């Protein structure tokens, strides 16, 4: 009986873990993916500007967002940083979302 109680107490935090809305994440990545990549690059000291950079980022973006979207679905929206991702998803503009996500990649 004691083992069952310990097991229940250990698993309880997992059941209450905050989840990311995978559909909302996919939509935001479609809408703001280029801005997010540029913000993350800037956070790492790289500058990606101009129409050429935007088109290159857009062309490569599926290689970044598709595995992330799949991971979200496979894990039922559970990420170790779900709280931070949800905060970013709550941002109304792409610039705010991108800056928030860039801060979370540190």
C-alpha atoms as a PDB file:
ATOM      1  CA  UNK A   1       0.000   0.000   0.000  1.00  0.00           C
ATOM      2  CA  UNK A   2       2.814   2.385   0.885  1.00  0.00           C
ATOM      3  CA  UNK A   3       4.361   1.843  -2.558  1.00  0.00           C
ATOM      4  CA  UNK A   4       1.096   2.824  -4.232  1.00  0.00           C
ATOM      5  CA  UNK A   5       0.918   6.053  -2.242  1.00  0.00           C
ATOM      6  CA  UNK A   6       4.524   6.929  -3.092  1.00  0.00           C
ATOM      7  CA  UNK A   7       3.893   6.150  -6.766  1.00  0.00           C
ATOM      8  CA  UNK A   8       0.742   8.288  -6.783  1.00  0.00           C
ATOM      9  CA  UNK A   9       2.601  11.184  -5.180  1.00  0.00           C
ATOM     10  CA  UNK A  10       5.416  10.900  -7.712  1.00  0.00           C
ATOM     11  CA  UNK A  11       3.088  10.796 -10.705  1.00  0.00           C
ATOM     12  CA  UNK A  12       0.703  13.512  -9.522  1.00  0.00           C
ATOM     13  CA  UNK A  13       2.902  16.413 -10.668  1.00  0.00           C
ATOM     14  CA  UNK A  14       3.073  14.907 -14.159  1.00  0.00           C
ATOM     15  CA  UNK A  15      -0.693  14.837 -14.464  1.00  0.00           C
ATOM     16  CA  UNK A  16      -0.941  18.498 -13.523  1.00  0.00           C
ATOM     17  CA  UNK A  17       1.819  19.683 -15.812  1.00  0.00           C
ATOM     18  CA  UNK A  18       0.869  22.691 -17.884  1.00  0.00           C
ATOM     19  CA  UNK A  19       0.262  21.879 -21.534  1.00  0.00           C
ATOM     20  CA  UNK A  20       0.726  23.813 -24.759  1.00  0.00           C
ATOM     21  CA  UNK A  21      -2.216  24.046 -27.153  1.00  0.00           C
ATOM     22  CA  UNK A  22      -0.601  22.367 -30.182  1.00  0.00           C
ATOM     23  CA  UNK A  23      -3.042  23.897 -32.683  1.00  0.00           C
ATOM     24  CA  UNK A  24      -2.373  27.375 -31.314  1.00  0.00           C
ATOM     25  CA  UNK A  25       1.385  26.754 -31.458  1.00  0.00           C
ATOM     26  CA  UNK A  26       1.190  25.556 -35.071  1.00  0.00           C
ATOM     27  CA  UNK A  27      -0.879  28.579 -36.084  1.00  0.00           C
ATOM     28  CA  UNK A  28       1.495  31.009 -34.347  1.00  0.00           C
ATOM     29  CA  UNK A  29       4.543  29.364 -35.945  1.00  0.00           C
ATOM     30  CA  UNK A  30       2.897  29.642 -39.372  1.00  0.00           C
ATOM     31  CA  UNK A  31       2.065  33.287 -38.759  1.00  0.00           C
ATOM     32  CA  UNK A  32       5.216  34.391 -36.931  1.00  0.00           C
ATOM     33  CA  UNK A  33       7.909  31.830 -37.715  1.00  0.00           C
ATOM     34  CA  UNK A  34      10.111  34.162 -39.767  1.00  0.00           C
ATOM     35  CA  UNK A  35      10.011  36.829 -37.045  1.00  0.00           C
ATOM     36  CA  UNK A  36      10.839  34.191 -34.428  1.00  0.00           C
ATOM     37  CA  UNK A  37      13.881  32.899 -36.326  1.00  0.00           C
ATOM     38  CA  UNK A  38      15.133  36.460 -36.821  1.00  0.00           C
ATOM     39  CA  UNK A  39      14.682  37.247 -33.120  1.00  0.00           C
ATOM     40  CA  UNK A  40      16.493  34.075 -32.055  1.00  0.00           C
ATOM     41  CA  UNK A  41      19.339  34.856 -34.477  1.00  0.00           C
ATOM     42  CA  UNK A  42      19.567  38.399 -33.100  1.00  0.00           C
ATOM     43  CA  UNK A  43      19.640  37.003 -29.550  1.00  0.00           C
ATOM     44  CA  UNK A  44      22.642  34.911 -30.634  1.00  0.00           C
ATOM     45  CA  UNK A  45      24.407  37.920 -32.146  1.00  0.00           C
ATOM     46  CA  UNK A  46      23.498  37.325 -35.792  1.00  0.00           C
ATOM     47  CA  UNK A  47      21.609  39.743 -37.992  1.00  0.00           C
ATOM     48  CA  UNK A  48      19.205  38.483 -40.643  1.00  0.00           C
ATOM     49  CA  UNK A  49      17.701  41.357 -42.617  1.00  0.00           C
ATOM     50  CA  UNK A  50      16.132  41.976 -45.973  1.00  0.00           C
ATOM     51  CA  UNK A  51      13.737  40.256 -48.320  1.00  0.00           C
ATOM     52  CA  UNK A  52      16.355  37.664 -49.288  1.00  0.00           C
ATOM     53  CA  UNK A  53      16.791  36.646 -45.649  1.00  0.00           C
ATOM     54  CA  UNK A  54      13.008  36.466 -45.166  1.00  0.00           C
ATOM     55  CA  UNK A  55      12.539  34.202 -48.191  1.00  0.00           C
ATOM     56  CA  UNK A  56      15.424  31.948 -47.131  1.00  0.00           C
ATOM     57  CA  UNK A  57      14.040  31.674 -43.602  1.00  0.00           C
ATOM     58  CA  UNK A  58      10.547  30.947 -44.930  1.00  0.00           C
ATOM     59  CA  UNK A  59      11.937  28.200 -47.164  1.00  0.00           C
ATOM     60  CA  UNK A  60      13.796  26.556 -44.266  1.00  0.00           C
ATOM     61  CA  UNK A  61      11.109  27.115 -41.627  1.00  0.00           C
ATOM     62  CA  UNK A  62       9.260  23.809 -42.173  1.00  0.00           C
ATOM     63  CA  UNK A  63      12.440  21.979 -41.112  1.00  0.00           C
ATOM     64  CA  UNK A  64      12.146  23.740 -37.743  1.00  0.00           C
ATOM     65  CA  UNK A  65       8.424  23.977 -37.125  1.00  0.00           C
ATOM     66  CA  UNK A  66       7.258  20.595 -38.447  1.00  0.00           C
ATOM     67  CA  UNK A  67       9.298  18.539 -35.937  1.00  0.00           C
ATOM     68  CA  UNK A  68       8.271  20.915 -33.148  1.00  0.00           C
ATOM     69  CA  UNK A  69       4.594  20.596 -34.056  1.00  0.00           C
ATOM     70  CA  UNK A  70       4.939  16.805 -34.229  1.00  0.00           C
ATOM     71  CA  UNK A  71       6.679  16.698 -30.854  1.00  0.00           C
ATOM     72  CA  UNK A  72       3.847  18.754 -29.399  1.00  0.00           C
ATOM     73  CA  UNK A  73       1.242  16.318 -30.724  1.00  0.00           C
ATOM     74  CA  UNK A  74       3.239  13.243 -29.703  1.00  0.00           C
ATOM     75  CA  UNK A  75       3.672  14.541 -26.139  1.00  0.00           C
ATOM     76  CA  UNK A  76       0.125  15.787 -25.742  1.00  0.00           C
ATOM     77  CA  UNK A  77       1.348  19.371 -25.480  1.00  0.00           C
ATOM     78  CA  UNK A  78       3.693  18.634 -22.586  1.00  0.00           C
ATOM     79  CA  UNK A  79       7.009  20.482 -22.694  1.00  0.00           C
ATOM     80  CA  UNK A  80       9.381  21.223 -19.840  1.00  0.00           C
ATOM     81  CA  UNK A  81       8.968  24.925 -20.656  1.00  0.00           C
ATOM     82  CA  UNK A  82       5.233  24.830 -21.406  1.00  0.00           C
ATOM     83  CA  UNK A  83       4.517  27.729 -19.065  1.00  0.00           C
ATOM     84  CA  UNK A  84       6.930  30.002 -20.936  1.00  0.00           C
ATOM     85  CA  UNK A  85       5.687  28.853 -24.347  1.00  0.00           C
ATOM     86  CA  UNK A  86       2.099  29.562 -23.290  1.00  0.00           C
ATOM     87  CA  UNK A  87       3.121  33.035 -22.154  1.00  0.00           C
ATOM     88  CA  UNK A  88       4.643  33.633 -25.584  1.00  0.00           C
ATOM     89  CA  UNK A  89       1.566  32.266 -27.360  1.00  0.00           C
ATOM     90  CA  UNK A  90      -0.466  34.849 -25.487  1.00  0.00           C
ATOM     91  CA  UNK A  91       1.410  37.705 -27.158  1.00  0.00           C
ATOM     92  CA  UNK A  92      -0.691  39.511 -29.739  1.00  0.00           C
ATOM     93  CA  UNK A  93       1.929  40.618 -32.251  1.00  0.00           C
ATOM     94  CA  UNK A  94       4.544  38.557 -34.051  1.00  0.00           C
ATOM     95  CA  UNK A  95       7.281  40.853 -32.767  1.00  0.00           C
ATOM     96  CA  UNK A  96       6.206  40.270 -29.159  1.00  0.00           C
ATOM     97  CA  UNK A  97       5.875  36.525 -29.725  1.00  0.00           C
ATOM     98  CA  UNK A  98       9.274  36.355 -31.422  1.00  0.00           C
ATOM     99  CA  UNK A  99      11.005  38.321 -28.669  1.00  0.00           C
ATOM    100  CA  UNK A 100       9.402  36.130 -26.005  1.00  0.00           C
ATOM    101  CA  UNK A 101      10.452  32.906 -27.739  1.00  0.00           C
ATOM    102  CA  UNK A 102      13.972  34.235 -28.252  1.00  0.00           C
ATOM    103  CA  UNK A 103      14.221  34.917 -24.509  1.00  0.00           C
ATOM    104  CA  UNK A 104      13.193  31.307 -23.822  1.00  0.00           C
ATOM    105  CA  UNK A 105      15.924  29.846 -26.037  1.00  0.00           C
ATOM    106  CA  UNK A 106      18.763  31.153 -23.878  1.00  0.00           C
END
